Amino acid sequence: MTGPRTTGCRLRGLAEVLGGAIHRSSRLVNLEQGDDGVLATIDHEGEAEQVAAEWVVGCDGVRS
């Protein structure tokens, strides 16, 4: 059986290989859908960042 830390590391590595990213300690502030995808505004430790993507996956974690 694989533990959660190992699973998380493997999933992060796979996401990066596929061109994705995993943002921890972040909060989705706004999400706008357009014809070509979405524009997400993310608050990461007080810094706002806009990310354009074809799709977004929300994984709230165990404390949601």
PDB file of N, CA and C in Angstrom:
ATOM      1  N   MET A   1       0.844  -1.176   0.000  1.00  0.00           N
ATOM      2  CA  MET A   1       0.000   0.000   0.000  1.00  0.00           C
ATOM      3  C   MET A   1       0.893   1.244   0.000  1.00  0.00           C
ATOM      4  N   THR A   2       0.494   2.249  -0.731  1.00  0.00           N
ATOM      5  CA  THR A   2       1.241   3.496  -0.840  1.00  0.00           C
ATOM      6  C   THR A   2       0.636   4.538   0.086  1.00  0.00           C
ATOM      7  N   GLY A   3       1.482   5.250   0.812  1.00  0.00           N
ATOM      8  CA  GLY A   3       1.019   6.280   1.733  1.00  0.00           C
ATOM      9  C   GLY A   3       0.669   7.573   1.025  1.00  0.00           C
ATOM     10  N   PRO A   4      -0.023   8.496   1.725  1.00  0.00           N
ATOM     11  CA  PRO A   4      -0.458   9.749   1.109  1.00  0.00           C
ATOM     12  C   PRO A   4       0.692  10.639   0.647  1.00  0.00           C
ATOM     13  N   ARG A   5       1.804  10.638   1.357  1.00  0.00           N
ATOM     14  CA  ARG A   5       2.937  11.479   0.955  1.00  0.00           C
ATOM     15  C   ARG A   5       3.507  10.999  -0.380  1.00  0.00           C
ATOM     16  N   THR A   6       3.672   9.690  -0.518  1.00  0.00           N
ATOM     17  CA  THR A   6       4.188   9.125  -1.765  1.00  0.00           C
ATOM     18  C   THR A   6       3.219   9.374  -2.912  1.00  0.00           C
ATOM     19  N   THR A   7       1.934   9.189  -2.654  1.00  0.00           N
ATOM     20  CA  THR A   7       0.922   9.427  -3.679  1.00  0.00           C
ATOM     21  C   THR A   7       0.949  10.885  -4.129  1.00  0.00           C
ATOM     22  N   GLY A   8       1.032  11.801  -3.185  1.00  0.00           N
ATOM     23  CA  GLY A   8       1.089  13.231  -3.503  1.00  0.00           C
ATOM     24  C   GLY A   8       2.299  13.584  -4.345  1.00  0.00           C
ATOM     25  N   CYS A   9       3.451  13.040  -4.021  1.00  0.00           N
ATOM     26  CA  CYS A   9       4.669  13.299  -4.786  1.00  0.00           C
ATOM     27  C   CYS A   9       4.541  12.766  -6.210  1.00  0.00           C
ATOM     28  N   ARG A  10       3.975  11.597  -6.341  1.00  0.00           N
ATOM     29  CA  ARG A  10       3.797  11.007  -7.676  1.00  0.00           C
ATOM     30  C   ARG A  10       2.811  11.815  -8.508  1.00  0.00           C
ATOM     31  N   LEU A  11       1.713  12.239  -7.896  1.00  0.00           N
ATOM     32  CA  LEU A  11       0.724  13.024  -8.621  1.00  0.00           C
ATOM     33  C   LEU A  11       1.282  14.386  -9.033  1.00  0.00           C
ATOM     34  N   ARG A  12       2.064  15.013  -8.157  1.00  0.00           N
ATOM     35  CA  ARG A  12       2.686  16.301  -8.496  1.00  0.00           C
ATOM     36  C   ARG A  12       3.634  16.133  -9.672  1.00  0.00           C
ATOM     37  N   GLY A  13       4.444  15.085  -9.641  1.00  0.00           N
ATOM     38  CA  GLY A  13       5.381  14.828 -10.738  1.00  0.00           C
ATOM     39  C   GLY A  13       4.655  14.583 -12.045  1.00  0.00           C
ATOM     40  N   LEU A  14       3.577  13.820 -12.014  1.00  0.00           N
ATOM     41  CA  LEU A  14       2.801  13.546 -13.220  1.00  0.00           C
ATOM     42  C   LEU A  14       2.159  14.816 -13.750  1.00  0.00           C
ATOM     43  N   ALA A  15       1.609  15.627 -12.860  1.00  0.00           N
ATOM     44  CA  ALA A  15       1.005  16.892 -13.290  1.00  0.00           C
ATOM     45  C   ALA A  15       2.027  17.773 -13.997  1.00  0.00           C
ATOM     46  N   GLU A  16       3.235  17.856 -13.453  1.00  0.00           N
ATOM     47  CA  GLU A  16       4.277  18.683 -14.052  1.00  0.00           C
ATOM     48  C   GLU A  16       4.703  18.144 -15.410  1.00  0.00           C
ATOM     49  N   VAL A  17       4.832  16.830 -15.536  1.00  0.00           N
ATOM     50  CA  VAL A  17       5.196  16.219 -16.820  1.00  0.00           C
ATOM     51  C   VAL A  17       4.141  16.547 -17.879  1.00  0.00           C
ATOM     52  N   LEU A  18       2.884  16.584 -17.471  1.00  0.00           N
ATOM     53  CA  LEU A  18       1.787  16.846 -18.395  1.00  0.00           C
ATOM     54  C   LEU A  18       1.532  18.341 -18.600  1.00  0.00           C
ATOM     55  N   GLY A  19       2.363  19.196 -17.979  1.00  0.00           N
ATOM     56  CA  GLY A  19       2.231  20.639 -18.161  1.00  0.00           C
ATOM     57  C   GLY A  19       1.317  21.313 -17.152  1.00  0.00           C
ATOM     58  N   GLY A  20       0.929  20.608 -16.114  1.00  0.00           N
ATOM     59  CA  GLY A  20       0.048  21.163 -15.090  1.00  0.00           C
ATOM     60  C   GLY A  20       0.818  21.652 -13.884  1.00  0.00           C
ATOM     61  N   ALA A  21       0.080  22.127 -12.904  1.00  0.00           N
ATOM     62  CA  ALA A  21       0.682  22.602 -11.668  1.00  0.00           C
ATOM     63  C   ALA A  21      -0.274  22.341 -10.520  1.00  0.00           C
ATOM     64  N   ILE A  22       0.265  22.111  -9.356  1.00  0.00           N
ATOM     65  CA  ILE A  22      -0.521  21.946  -8.141  1.00  0.00           C
ATOM     66  C   ILE A  22      -0.179  23.109  -7.217  1.00  0.00           C
ATOM     67  N   HIS A  23      -1.187  23.876  -6.825  1.00  0.00           N
ATOM     68  CA  HIS A  23      -0.991  25.030  -5.951  1.00  0.00           C
ATOM     69  C   HIS A  23      -1.546  24.690  -4.569  1.00  0.00           C
ATOM     70  N   ARG A  24      -0.688  24.674  -3.574  1.00  0.00           N
ATOM     71  CA  ARG A  24      -1.119  24.415  -2.197  1.00  0.00           C
ATOM     72  C   ARG A  24      -1.215  25.746  -1.458  1.00  0.00           C
ATOM     73  N   SER A  25      -1.934  25.746  -0.361  1.00  0.00           N
ATOM     74  CA  SER A  25      -2.140  26.960   0.449  1.00  0.00           C
ATOM     75  C   SER A  25      -2.636  28.105  -0.421  1.00  0.00           C
ATOM     76  N   SER A  26      -3.549  27.798  -1.316  1.00  0.00           N
ATOM     77  CA  SER A  26      -4.088  28.788  -2.238  1.00  0.00           C
ATOM     78  C   SER A  26      -5.602  28.797  -2.142  1.00  0.00           C
ATOM     79  N   ARG A  27      -6.167  29.924  -2.601  1.00  0.00           N
ATOM     80  CA  ARG A  27      -7.622  30.078  -2.564  1.00  0.00           C
ATOM     81  C   ARG A  27      -8.082  30.653  -3.895  1.00  0.00           C
ATOM     82  N   LEU A  28      -9.063  30.008  -4.493  1.00  0.00           N
ATOM     83  CA  LEU A  28      -9.642  30.508  -5.732  1.00  0.00           C
ATOM     84  C   LEU A  28     -10.497  31.716  -5.403  1.00  0.00           C
ATOM     85  N   VAL A  29     -10.163  32.870  -5.990  1.00  0.00           N
ATOM     86  CA  VAL A  29     -10.881  34.108  -5.719  1.00  0.00           C
ATOM     87  C   VAL A  29     -11.947  34.360  -6.787  1.00  0.00           C
ATOM     88  N   ASN A  30     -11.621  34.050  -8.033  1.00  0.00           N
ATOM     89  CA  ASN A  30     -12.551  34.289  -9.131  1.00  0.00           C
ATOM     90  C   ASN A  30     -12.279  33.294 -10.247  1.00  0.00           C
ATOM     91  N   LEU A  31     -13.331  32.936 -10.973  1.00  0.00           N
ATOM     92  CA  LEU A  31     -13.199  32.022 -12.098  1.00  0.00           C
ATOM     93  C   LEU A  31     -14.104  32.522 -13.209  1.00  0.00           C
ATOM     94  N   GLU A  32     -13.501  32.811 -14.370  1.00  0.00           N
ATOM     95  CA  GLU A  32     -14.267  33.291 -15.516  1.00  0.00           C
ATOM     96  C   GLU A  32     -14.122  32.297 -16.650  1.00  0.00           C
ATOM     97  N   GLN A  33     -15.248  31.910 -17.234  1.00  0.00           N
ATOM     98  CA  GLN A  33     -15.223  30.979 -18.358  1.00  0.00           C
ATOM     99  C   GLN A  33     -15.339  31.756 -19.658  1.00  0.00           C
ATOM    100  N   GLY A  34     -14.460  31.417 -20.611  1.00  0.00           N
ATOM    101  CA  GLY A  34     -14.499  32.028 -21.931  1.00  0.00           C
ATOM    102  C   GLY A  34     -14.606  30.961 -22.997  1.00  0.00           C
ATOM    103  N   ASP A  35     -14.537  31.372 -24.239  1.00  0.00           N
ATOM    104  CA  ASP A  35     -14.651  30.435 -25.354  1.00  0.00           C
ATOM    105  C   ASP A  35     -13.472  29.468 -25.428  1.00  0.00           C
ATOM    106  N   ASP A  36     -12.287  29.924 -24.998  1.00  0.00           N
ATOM    107  CA  ASP A  36     -11.078  29.109 -25.109  1.00  0.00           C
ATOM    108  C   ASP A  36     -10.647  28.437 -23.808  1.00  0.00           C
ATOM    109  N   GLY A  37     -11.407  28.609 -22.732  1.00  0.00           N
ATOM    110  CA  GLY A  37     -11.024  28.015 -21.453  1.00  0.00           C
ATOM    111  C   GLY A  37     -11.470  28.883 -20.305  1.00  0.00           C
ATOM    112  N   VAL A  38     -10.667  28.900 -19.252  1.00  0.00           N
ATOM    113  CA  VAL A  38     -11.013  29.660 -18.053  1.00  0.00           C
ATOM    114  C   VAL A  38      -9.861  30.569 -17.640  1.00  0.00           C
ATOM    115  N   LEU A  39     -10.198  31.629 -16.927  1.00  0.00           N
ATOM    116  CA  LEU A  39      -9.217  32.507 -16.308  1.00  0.00           C
ATOM    117  C   LEU A  39      -9.494  32.476 -14.819  1.00  0.00           C
ATOM    118  N   ALA A  40      -8.562  31.925 -14.064  1.00  0.00           N
ATOM    119  CA  ALA A  40      -8.711  31.780 -12.618  1.00  0.00           C
ATOM    120  C   ALA A  40      -7.854  32.820 -11.913  1.00  0.00           C
ATOM    121  N   THR A  41      -8.418  33.469 -10.919  1.00  0.00           N
ATOM    122  CA  THR A  41      -7.647  34.356 -10.056  1.00  0.00           C
ATOM    123  C   THR A  41      -7.442  33.610  -8.745  1.00  0.00           C
ATOM    124  N   ILE A  42      -6.177  33.422  -8.389  1.00  0.00           N
ATOM    125  CA  ILE A  42      -5.805  32.628  -7.217  1.00  0.00           C
ATOM    126  C   ILE A  42      -5.069  33.512  -6.221  1.00  0.00           C
ATOM    127  N   ASP A  43      -5.469  33.422  -4.957  1.00  0.00           N
ATOM    128  CA  ASP A  43      -4.762  34.108  -3.874  1.00  0.00           C
ATOM    129  C   ASP A  43      -3.838  33.087  -3.216  1.00  0.00           C
ATOM    130  N   HIS A  44      -2.556  33.334  -3.319  1.00  0.00           N
ATOM    131  CA  HIS A  44      -1.561  32.440  -2.713  1.00  0.00           C
ATOM    132  C   HIS A  44      -0.754  33.247  -1.712  1.00  0.00           C
ATOM    133  N   GLU A  45      -1.092  33.057  -0.444  1.00  0.00           N
ATOM    134  CA  GLU A  45      -0.399  33.744   0.659  1.00  0.00           C
ATOM    135  C   GLU A  45      -0.372  35.253   0.462  1.00  0.00           C
ATOM    136  N   GLY A  46      -1.530  35.837   0.074  1.00  0.00           N
ATOM    137  CA  GLY A  46      -1.641  37.283  -0.068  1.00  0.00           C
ATOM    138  C   GLY A  46      -1.279  37.829  -1.434  1.00  0.00           C
ATOM    139  N   GLU A  47      -0.769  37.011  -2.316  1.00  0.00           N
ATOM    140  CA  GLU A  47      -0.403  37.443  -3.664  1.00  0.00           C
ATOM    141  C   GLU A  47      -1.447  36.926  -4.650  1.00  0.00           C
ATOM    142  N   ALA A  48      -2.060  37.835  -5.422  1.00  0.00           N
ATOM    143  CA  ALA A  48      -3.041  37.441  -6.419  1.00  0.00           C
ATOM    144  C   ALA A  48      -2.332  37.090  -7.723  1.00  0.00           C
ATOM    145  N   GLU A  49      -2.768  36.010  -8.339  1.00  0.00           N
ATOM    146  CA  GLU A  49      -2.180  35.550  -9.596  1.00  0.00           C
ATOM    147  C   GLU A  49      -3.310  35.112 -10.517  1.00  0.00           C
ATOM    148  N   GLN A  50      -3.221  35.483 -11.787  1.00  0.00           N
ATOM    149  CA  GLN A  50      -4.201  35.028 -12.761  1.00  0.00           C
ATOM    150  C   GLN A  50      -3.587  33.910 -13.594  1.00  0.00           C
ATOM    151  N   VAL A  51      -4.376  32.860 -13.789  1.00  0.00           N
ATOM    152  CA  VAL A  51      -3.922  31.685 -14.517  1.00  0.00           C
ATOM    153  C   VAL A  51      -4.940  31.367 -15.597  1.00  0.00           C
ATOM    154  N   ALA A  52      -4.481  31.288 -16.845  1.00  0.00           N
ATOM    155  CA  ALA A  52      -5.347  30.882 -17.947  1.00  0.00           C
ATOM    156  C   ALA A  52      -5.161  29.383 -18.159  1.00  0.00           C
ATOM    157  N   ALA A  53      -6.267  28.671 -18.327  1.00  0.00           N
ATOM    158  CA  ALA A  53      -6.202  27.218 -18.489  1.00  0.00           C
ATOM    159  C   ALA A  53      -7.385  26.730 -19.308  1.00  0.00           C
ATOM    160  N   GLU A  54      -7.241  25.534 -19.846  1.00  0.00           N
ATOM    161  CA  GLU A  54      -8.360  24.918 -20.554  1.00  0.00           C
ATOM    162  C   GLU A  54      -9.403  24.420 -19.558  1.00  0.00           C
ATOM    163  N   TRP A  55      -8.962  23.974 -18.383  1.00  0.00           N
ATOM    164  CA  TRP A  55      -9.864  23.490 -17.355  1.00  0.00           C
ATOM    165  C   TRP A  55      -9.201  23.616 -15.989  1.00  0.00           C
ATOM    166  N   VAL A  56     -10.012  23.520 -14.950  1.00  0.00           N
ATOM    167  CA  VAL A  56      -9.554  23.666 -13.567  1.00  0.00           C
ATOM    168  C   VAL A  56     -10.097  22.502 -12.751  1.00  0.00           C
ATOM    169  N   VAL A  57      -9.275  21.978 -11.854  1.00  0.00           N
ATOM    170  CA  VAL A  57      -9.704  20.928 -10.937  1.00  0.00           C
ATOM    171  C   VAL A  57      -9.554  21.467  -9.526  1.00  0.00           C
ATOM    172  N   GLY A  58     -10.620  21.405  -8.749  1.00  0.00           N
ATOM    173  CA  GLY A  58     -10.581  21.845  -7.360  1.00  0.00           C
ATOM    174  C   GLY A  58     -10.475  20.650  -6.431  1.00  0.00           C
ATOM    175  N   CYS A  59      -9.449  20.649  -5.597  1.00  0.00           N
ATOM    176  CA  CYS A  59      -9.241  19.584  -4.615  1.00  0.00           C
ATOM    177  C   CYS A  59      -9.087  20.245  -3.262  1.00  0.00           C
ATOM    178  N   ASP A  60     -10.181  20.254  -2.499  1.00  0.00           N
ATOM    179  CA  ASP A  60     -10.223  21.025  -1.271  1.00  0.00           C
ATOM    180  C   ASP A  60      -9.457  20.410  -0.119  1.00  0.00           C
ATOM    181  N   GLY A  61      -9.204  19.145  -0.166  1.00  0.00           N
ATOM    182  CA  GLY A  61      -8.466  18.522   0.929  1.00  0.00           C
ATOM    183  C   GLY A  61      -9.365  18.031   2.043  1.00  0.00           C
ATOM    184  N   VAL A  62      -8.744  17.524   3.085  1.00  0.00           N
ATOM    185  CA  VAL A  62      -9.484  16.887   4.165  1.00  0.00           C
ATOM    186  C   VAL A  62     -10.185  17.875   5.087  1.00  0.00           C
ATOM    187  N   ARG A  63      -9.798  19.145   5.072  1.00  0.00           N
ATOM    188  CA  ARG A  63     -10.384  20.127   5.983  1.00  0.00           C
ATOM    189  C   ARG A  63     -11.506  20.949   5.356  1.00  0.00           C
ATOM    190  N   SER A  64     -11.962  20.554   4.176  1.00  0.00           N
ATOM    191  CA  SER A  64     -13.000  21.354   3.514  1.00  0.00           C
ATOM    192  C   SER A  64     -14.382  20.987   4.005  1.00  0.00           C
TER     193      SER A  64
END
